[in-house]
Amino acid sequence: MFLFNRYVCTVLLLVVLFAVMGVRNAMAHEGRNVGDYNFIVGFINEPAIEGMINGVSLRLTSLREEEPHDHNAHMKMSGSESGEIDLVSHGGVFVSELGGDGVFEFTFDHGFEDLTVPFHAHPIEIQGSIMVSHDNPAADLSVIKIHSAGFEPAMVMIRPDTTIRFENHMGEPTVIMSGQLSHVEQTADEPIHSDSVEGIDSLEVEVTHIASGVSQVMPLKESFGIPGQYEAAFIPTSPGPYRFRFIGDIKGQAINEIFESGNNTFDEVKSAKEIQFPVQLSAPRETENAARGALETANEAREDAANVANAASTGILLGAIALILGVVALLLAVLAFKRSGRKA
């Protein structure tokens, strides 16, 4: 009986541990106060997978009490009959109650051109975004799966006239709606009067792949319709830890702050092989390295062959010269012999 109880306790502990790990992998960001501001930093989509579009995500809020923003500024005129698109209010664009395995579809017409539509679901309280632009990949349908730990994917890039299908995979009812979350996460030492910081164009991020040391400075762009949310999109092509260094200034305050992925911060980039099934494919970097290695080996073999050919040519030339000298020496010897015979 004692062994059975201990076994049950162990199983329950592992279940809780894996559940916590699963939530952390889906929501891992690092929050930190930097002077008068709070930074919440991570990848746009987590877990981050090599070869898939992603980027730096920065949520910027002020720790100083300021006048409240006019959220009506985030309403944009469109060509649709409604005249205005409410990107901020809950359900301003769409709202639907979904059963345990319910599905909801919404088509984004040309009135959403160049807009970013935030969305979230209750009761999981996680926010995602839909970026509508004519430059995005073409597709008639894009699927967003709703899990208890978040959305899959959390950011979607579509063209106008694309239909988004929300699929509930939680096994329990939920409500999916447009608009941003009404609450702002706060740290223990953060004042109550924090607010989103908007319109910052003097801040950049230096992205570094720590293992290789390769770095690149990227501009941060504010997501339209999501106050205080800044992003720098890129495709991570190598797995491992990354470093984000924010440089510039925020309303006169100099910024030079470093965030690194890790167990207690935000996720490292994972190899695409970890989620490939049933066949694991070689990553482009592996194929490129293999091709580069094969090319280097071929070049070395060609150089060795050229050296051998040169050596052989030199040997043949020297042999020919020796043969000619031998023939000349023989002729001279014959002439000398004949002359000596005549004198005798």
Protein backbone atom coordinates (compact mmCIF):
# COMPACT_ATOMS: atom_id res chain seq x y z
CA MET A 1 0.00 0.00 0.00
CA PHE A 2 2.85 2.34 0.86
CA LEU A 3 4.57 1.63 -2.48
CA PHE A 4 1.32 2.21 -4.34
CA ASN A 5 0.77 5.60 -2.66
CA ARG A 6 4.34 6.61 -3.38
CA TYR A 7 3.90 5.60 -7.01
CA VAL A 8 0.70 7.66 -7.30
CA CYS A 9 2.38 10.69 -5.73
CA THR A 10 5.31 10.39 -8.13
CA VAL A 11 3.02 10.22 -11.16
CA LEU A 12 1.03 13.25 -9.99
CA LEU A 13 4.25 15.19 -9.40
CA LEU A 14 5.47 14.42 -12.91
CA VAL A 15 2.12 15.43 -14.41
CA VAL A 16 2.24 18.78 -12.62
CA LEU A 17 5.89 19.28 -13.60
CA PHE A 18 5.23 18.62 -17.29
CA ALA A 19 2.17 20.86 -17.21
CA VAL A 20 4.21 23.71 -15.77
CA MET A 21 6.97 23.14 -18.30
CA GLY A 22 4.45 23.14 -21.14
CA VAL A 23 3.00 26.48 -20.02
CA ARG A 24 6.44 28.00 -19.61
CA ASN A 25 7.50 26.97 -23.09
CA ALA A 26 4.43 28.64 -24.59
CA MET A 27 4.50 31.86 -22.56
CA ALA A 28 8.20 32.38 -21.70
CA HIS A 29 9.16 36.06 -21.66
CA GLU A 30 11.48 38.02 -19.40
CA GLY A 31 10.22 41.11 -17.61
CA ARG A 32 12.58 43.75 -16.22
CA ASN A 33 12.42 47.38 -15.12
CA VAL A 34 14.85 49.63 -17.02
CA GLY A 35 14.87 53.12 -15.55
CA ASP A 36 11.40 54.60 -15.97
CA TYR A 37 10.17 51.74 -18.14
CA ASN A 38 9.30 48.05 -17.96
CA PHE A 39 10.52 45.68 -20.68
CA ILE A 40 8.85 42.34 -21.42
CA VAL A 41 11.07 40.54 -23.95
CA GLY A 42 10.95 37.25 -25.83
CA PHE A 43 10.37 35.73 -29.22
CA ILE A 44 7.15 36.63 -31.05
CA ASN A 45 6.26 32.93 -31.29
CA GLU A 46 7.36 30.49 -28.64
CA PRO A 47 8.62 27.86 -28.74
CA ALA A 48 10.94 29.31 -31.39
CA ILE A 49 11.84 26.83 -34.15
CA GLU A 50 14.70 27.25 -36.61
CA GLY A 51 13.68 28.04 -40.17
CA MET A 52 10.28 29.45 -39.18
CA ILE A 53 9.37 33.13 -39.27
CA ASN A 54 9.70 34.72 -35.85
CA GLY A 55 11.33 37.78 -34.34
CA VAL A 56 11.99 39.91 -31.30
CA SER A 57 8.97 40.87 -29.22
CA LEU A 58 9.12 43.87 -26.87
CA ARG A 59 6.25 44.99 -24.67
CA LEU A 60 7.10 48.49 -23.40
CA THR A 61 5.24 50.19 -20.54
CA SER A 62 5.97 53.31 -18.51
CA LEU A 63 6.44 53.19 -14.74
CA ARG A 64 5.54 56.87 -14.41
CA GLU A 65 2.00 58.12 -13.93
CA GLU A 66 0.92 59.83 -17.15
CA GLU A 67 -2.23 61.11 -18.74
CA PRO A 68 -4.28 58.23 -20.16
CA HIS A 69 -4.02 57.65 -23.87
CA ASP A 70 -6.92 58.22 -26.21
CA HIS A 71 -7.51 54.67 -27.43
CA ASN A 72 -9.74 56.05 -30.20
CA ALA A 73 -6.46 56.94 -31.92
CA HIS A 74 -6.16 53.24 -32.75
CA MET A 75 -9.30 53.31 -34.89
CA LYS A 76 -8.50 53.43 -38.59
CA MET A 77 -10.75 54.51 -41.45
CA SER A 78 -11.22 51.79 -44.05
CA GLY A 79 -12.98 51.30 -47.35
CA SER A 80 -15.57 49.01 -45.83
CA GLU A 81 -19.19 50.05 -45.27
CA SER A 82 -18.68 50.20 -41.50
CA GLY A 83 -16.40 53.24 -41.96
CA GLU A 84 -14.20 52.43 -38.96
CA ILE A 85 -12.49 49.32 -37.64
CA ASP A 86 -12.23 49.04 -33.86
CA LEU A 87 -8.98 47.20 -33.19
CA VAL A 88 -8.94 47.84 -29.45
CA SER A 89 -12.33 47.04 -27.93
CA HIS A 90 -13.24 43.46 -27.06
CA GLY A 91 -15.15 42.01 -30.01
CA GLY A 92 -14.75 45.18 -32.09
CA VAL A 93 -14.09 43.09 -35.20
CA PHE A 94 -15.32 39.60 -34.31
CA VAL A 95 -16.48 37.55 -31.33
CA SER A 96 -17.71 33.97 -31.08
CA GLU A 97 -18.46 31.39 -28.38
CA LEU A 98 -16.89 28.02 -29.15
CA GLY A 99 -17.77 24.65 -27.68
CA GLY A 100 -15.19 22.09 -26.61
CA ASP A 101 -14.32 21.34 -30.24
CA GLY A 102 -15.96 24.36 -31.90
CA VAL A 103 -14.80 26.18 -35.03
CA PHE A 104 -15.20 29.84 -36.02
CA GLU A 105 -14.23 31.46 -39.34
CA PHE A 106 -13.76 35.12 -40.24
CA THR A 107 -12.65 36.62 -43.57
CA PHE A 108 -10.49 39.76 -43.54
CA ASP A 109 -11.46 41.89 -46.54
CA HIS A 110 -9.49 44.73 -48.12
CA GLY A 111 -10.66 47.09 -45.39
CA PHE A 112 -8.04 45.46 -43.13
CA GLU A 113 -5.16 46.20 -45.51
CA ASP A 114 -1.97 47.13 -43.57
CA LEU A 115 -3.64 46.54 -40.18
CA THR A 116 -2.62 44.30 -37.29
CA VAL A 117 -5.67 42.85 -35.58
CA PRO A 118 -5.08 41.70 -31.98
CA PHE A 119 -7.17 38.84 -30.63
CA HIS A 120 -7.49 36.81 -27.46
CA ALA A 121 -9.59 34.11 -25.85
CA HIS A 122 -11.21 33.70 -22.47
CA PRO A 123 -10.47 32.29 -20.00
CA ILE A 124 -6.82 31.63 -21.02
CA GLU A 125 -6.03 35.40 -21.23
CA ILE A 126 -3.35 35.18 -23.94
CA GLN A 127 -3.06 37.61 -26.84
CA GLY A 128 -2.25 36.94 -30.49
CA SER A 129 -2.13 39.07 -33.62
CA ILE A 130 -3.16 38.87 -37.28
CA MET A 131 -1.10 41.00 -39.68
CA VAL A 132 -2.89 41.83 -42.95
CA SER A 133 -0.78 43.01 -45.87
CA HIS A 134 -0.69 42.50 -49.63
CA ASP A 135 3.01 41.54 -49.27
CA ASN A 136 2.25 38.51 -47.09
CA PRO A 137 2.11 34.94 -48.49
CA ALA A 138 -1.05 34.11 -50.41
CA ALA A 139 -3.48 31.58 -48.92
CA ASP A 140 -7.24 31.15 -49.00
CA LEU A 141 -7.41 29.71 -45.47
CA SER A 142 -5.21 29.97 -42.37
CA VAL A 143 -5.87 27.95 -39.21
CA ILE A 144 -5.23 29.09 -35.62
CA LYS A 145 -5.55 26.37 -32.98
CA ILE A 146 -6.62 27.36 -29.47
CA HIS A 147 -4.87 25.45 -26.69
CA SER A 148 -5.01 25.95 -22.94
CA ALA A 149 -1.38 27.16 -23.09
CA GLY A 150 -1.88 29.59 -25.99
CA PHE A 151 -2.43 29.89 -29.73
CA GLU A 152 -0.80 27.89 -32.51
CA PRO A 153 0.44 30.06 -34.13
CA ALA A 154 0.23 33.22 -32.02
CA MET A 155 1.02 35.52 -34.96
CA VAL A 156 -0.41 35.07 -38.46
CA MET A 157 0.59 37.00 -41.59
CA ILE A 158 -2.09 36.97 -44.30
CA ARG A 159 -3.26 38.83 -47.39
CA PRO A 160 -6.65 40.56 -47.67
CA ASP A 161 -9.60 38.27 -48.47
CA THR A 162 -8.01 35.44 -46.46
CA THR A 163 -10.20 33.43 -44.08
CA ILE A 164 -8.98 32.67 -40.58
CA ARG A 165 -10.35 29.54 -38.95
CA PHE A 166 -10.17 29.35 -35.15
CA GLU A 167 -10.26 25.76 -33.87
CA ASN A 168 -10.86 25.02 -30.18
CA HIS A 169 -8.56 22.20 -29.02
CA MET A 170 -8.99 22.77 -25.27
CA GLY A 171 -11.84 20.31 -24.79
CA GLU A 172 -13.88 22.96 -22.96
CA PRO A 173 -15.85 26.05 -24.08
CA THR A 174 -14.07 29.31 -24.79
CA VAL A 175 -14.78 32.73 -26.29
CA ILE A 176 -12.57 34.02 -29.12
CA MET A 177 -12.66 37.73 -29.88
CA SER A 178 -10.72 40.57 -31.43
CA GLY A 179 -9.22 43.34 -29.32
CA GLN A 180 -6.38 43.58 -26.86
CA LEU A 181 -6.29 42.27 -23.33
CA SER A 182 -7.55 44.76 -20.79
CA HIS A 183 -4.95 43.96 -18.15
CA VAL A 184 -1.21 44.62 -18.09
CA GLU A 185 1.04 42.21 -16.23
CA GLN A 186 2.99 43.94 -13.46
CA THR A 187 6.07 42.96 -11.50
CA ALA A 188 6.13 43.13 -7.72
CA ASP A 189 8.03 46.42 -7.65
CA GLU A 190 6.12 48.07 -10.51
CA PRO A 191 3.76 50.95 -9.68
CA ILE A 192 0.07 50.54 -10.39
CA HIS A 193 0.04 53.47 -12.83
CA SER A 194 1.99 51.77 -15.65
CA ASP A 195 0.92 52.48 -19.22
CA SER A 196 1.91 51.53 -22.75
CA VAL A 197 4.69 53.56 -24.37
CA GLU A 198 3.85 54.40 -27.96
CA GLY A 199 5.48 56.08 -30.94
CA ILE A 200 9.10 55.12 -30.15
CA ASP A 201 11.20 55.14 -33.33
CA SER A 202 14.65 55.72 -31.76
CA LEU A 203 15.08 52.18 -30.40
CA GLU A 204 16.83 49.29 -32.17
CA VAL A 205 17.72 45.74 -31.22
CA GLU A 206 20.98 43.92 -31.86
CA VAL A 207 20.25 40.22 -32.36
CA THR A 208 23.13 37.82 -31.70
CA HIS A 209 23.35 34.07 -32.23
CA ILE A 210 25.55 33.37 -29.23
CA ALA A 211 27.14 30.13 -30.46
CA SER A 212 28.46 31.66 -33.70
CA GLY A 213 28.78 35.25 -32.50
CA VAL A 214 26.98 36.54 -35.61
CA SER A 215 25.09 39.77 -34.90
CA GLN A 216 22.78 42.12 -36.75
CA VAL A 217 21.12 45.37 -35.72
CA MET A 218 17.42 45.49 -36.61
CA PRO A 219 14.84 48.27 -36.39
CA LEU A 220 11.91 47.86 -34.01
CA LYS A 221 8.47 48.57 -35.45
CA GLU A 222 5.37 49.22 -33.39
CA SER A 223 2.50 46.85 -34.11
CA PHE A 224 -0.43 48.87 -35.37
CA GLY A 225 -3.38 48.53 -33.03
CA ILE A 226 -1.31 47.09 -30.15
CA PRO A 227 -0.03 50.05 -28.09
CA GLY A 228 3.42 49.54 -26.65
CA GLN A 229 4.10 46.34 -28.62
CA TYR A 230 7.27 46.45 -30.77
CA GLU A 231 8.62 43.74 -33.06
CA ALA A 232 11.63 42.98 -35.26
CA ALA A 233 10.80 40.07 -37.54
CA PHE A 234 13.43 37.60 -38.76
CA ILE A 235 13.85 33.87 -39.41
CA PRO A 236 16.27 32.19 -36.96
CA THR A 237 18.32 29.78 -39.08
CA SER A 238 20.40 28.19 -36.31
CA PRO A 239 19.25 26.65 -33.01
CA GLY A 240 20.61 27.58 -29.60
CA PRO A 241 20.66 30.64 -27.33
CA TYR A 242 20.16 34.19 -28.65
CA ARG A 243 20.97 37.60 -27.20
CA PHE A 244 18.79 40.70 -27.70
CA ARG A 245 20.49 44.03 -26.92
CA PHE A 246 18.21 47.07 -27.03
CA ILE A 247 20.02 50.28 -27.92
CA GLY A 248 18.92 53.87 -28.48
CA ASP A 249 16.73 56.03 -26.28
CA ILE A 250 13.17 56.29 -25.01
CA LYS A 251 12.01 59.87 -24.63
CA GLY A 252 15.51 61.04 -23.77
CA GLN A 253 16.47 58.08 -21.53
CA ALA A 254 19.50 56.25 -22.96
CA ILE A 255 18.94 52.50 -23.40
CA ASN A 256 21.60 49.78 -23.58
CA GLU A 257 19.99 46.66 -22.10
CA ILE A 258 20.79 43.00 -22.78
CA PHE A 259 18.38 40.04 -22.61
CA GLU A 260 19.53 36.45 -23.20
CA SER A 261 17.48 33.31 -23.74
CA GLY A 262 17.74 30.68 -21.04
CA ASN A 263 15.90 28.56 -18.49
CA ASN A 264 14.76 31.55 -16.44
CA THR A 265 14.15 34.03 -19.27
CA PHE A 266 12.76 33.18 -22.73
CA ASP A 267 13.14 30.09 -24.88
CA GLU A 268 16.16 29.24 -26.98
CA VAL A 269 15.62 28.40 -30.64
CA LYS A 270 14.96 24.69 -31.05
CA SER A 271 16.06 22.47 -33.92
CA ALA A 272 13.30 21.83 -36.45
CA LYS A 273 14.03 18.09 -36.14
CA GLU A 274 12.47 18.09 -32.68
CA ILE A 275 8.99 18.55 -34.16
CA GLN A 276 9.40 16.77 -37.51
CA PHE A 277 7.43 13.56 -38.03
CA PRO A 278 7.59 10.94 -39.39
CA VAL A 279 10.77 11.78 -41.34
CA GLN A 280 13.38 14.16 -40.00
CA LEU A 281 14.71 16.42 -42.75
CA SER A 282 18.10 18.05 -42.88
CA ALA A 283 18.06 21.73 -42.01
CA PRO A 284 19.20 24.15 -44.76
CA ARG A 285 22.27 25.00 -42.67
CA GLU A 286 23.21 21.28 -42.54
CA THR A 287 22.73 20.89 -46.29
CA GLU A 288 24.75 24.03 -46.93
CA ASN A 289 27.57 22.88 -44.64
CA ALA A 290 27.62 19.46 -46.29
CA ALA A 291 27.72 21.03 -49.75
CA ARG A 292 30.46 23.42 -48.65
CA GLY A 293 32.47 20.52 -47.22
CA ALA A 294 32.04 18.49 -50.39
CA LEU A 295 33.11 21.47 -52.51
CA GLU A 296 36.19 22.02 -50.36
CA THR A 297 37.08 18.32 -50.63
CA ALA A 298 36.64 18.44 -54.40
CA ASN A 299 38.83 21.55 -54.65
CA GLU A 300 41.52 19.89 -52.54
CA ALA A 301 41.40 16.76 -54.72
CA ARG A 302 41.64 18.90 -57.86
CA GLU A 303 44.64 20.76 -56.44
CA ASP A 304 46.32 17.45 -55.52
CA ALA A 305 45.68 16.10 -59.01
CA ALA A 306 47.10 19.28 -60.54
CA ASN A 307 50.19 18.97 -58.36
CA VAL A 308 50.63 15.33 -59.40
CA ALA A 309 50.18 16.29 -63.05
CA ASN A 310 52.73 19.08 -62.73
CA ALA A 311 55.17 16.73 -61.04
CA ALA A 312 54.64 14.14 -63.77
CA SER A 313 55.17 16.75 -66.51
CA THR A 314 58.35 17.91 -64.83
CA GLY A 315 59.58 14.29 -64.57
CA ILE A 316 58.86 13.64 -68.23
CA LEU A 317 60.71 16.83 -69.25
CA LEU A 318 63.73 15.95 -67.13
CA GLY A 319 63.73 12.41 -68.55
CA ALA A 320 63.64 13.76 -72.10
CA ILE A 321 66.54 16.13 -71.38
CA ALA A 322 68.55 13.27 -69.84
CA LEU A 323 67.83 11.09 -72.87
CA ILE A 324 68.98 13.83 -75.24
CA LEU A 325 72.15 14.40 -73.23
CA GLY A 326 72.81 10.65 -73.25
CA VAL A 327 72.44 10.47 -77.03
CA VAL A 328 74.76 13.47 -77.46
CA ALA A 329 77.30 11.89 -75.14
CA LEU A 330 77.11 8.63 -77.10
CA LEU A 331 77.67 10.44 -80.41
CA LEU A 332 80.65 12.28 -79.01
CA ALA A 333 82.08 9.03 -77.75
CA VAL A 334 81.66 7.39 -81.17
CA LEU A 335 83.34 10.33 -82.91
CA ALA A 336 86.20 10.27 -80.44
CA PHE A 337 86.66 6.54 -81.00
CA LYS A 338 86.76 6.94 -84.78
CA ARG A 339 89.32 9.71 -84.57
CA SER A 340 91.54 7.66 -82.33
CA GLY A 341 91.34 4.74 -84.79
CA ARG A 342 92.48 6.84 -87.72
CA LYS A 343 95.49 8.13 -85.82
CA ALA A 344 96.55 4.62 -85.03
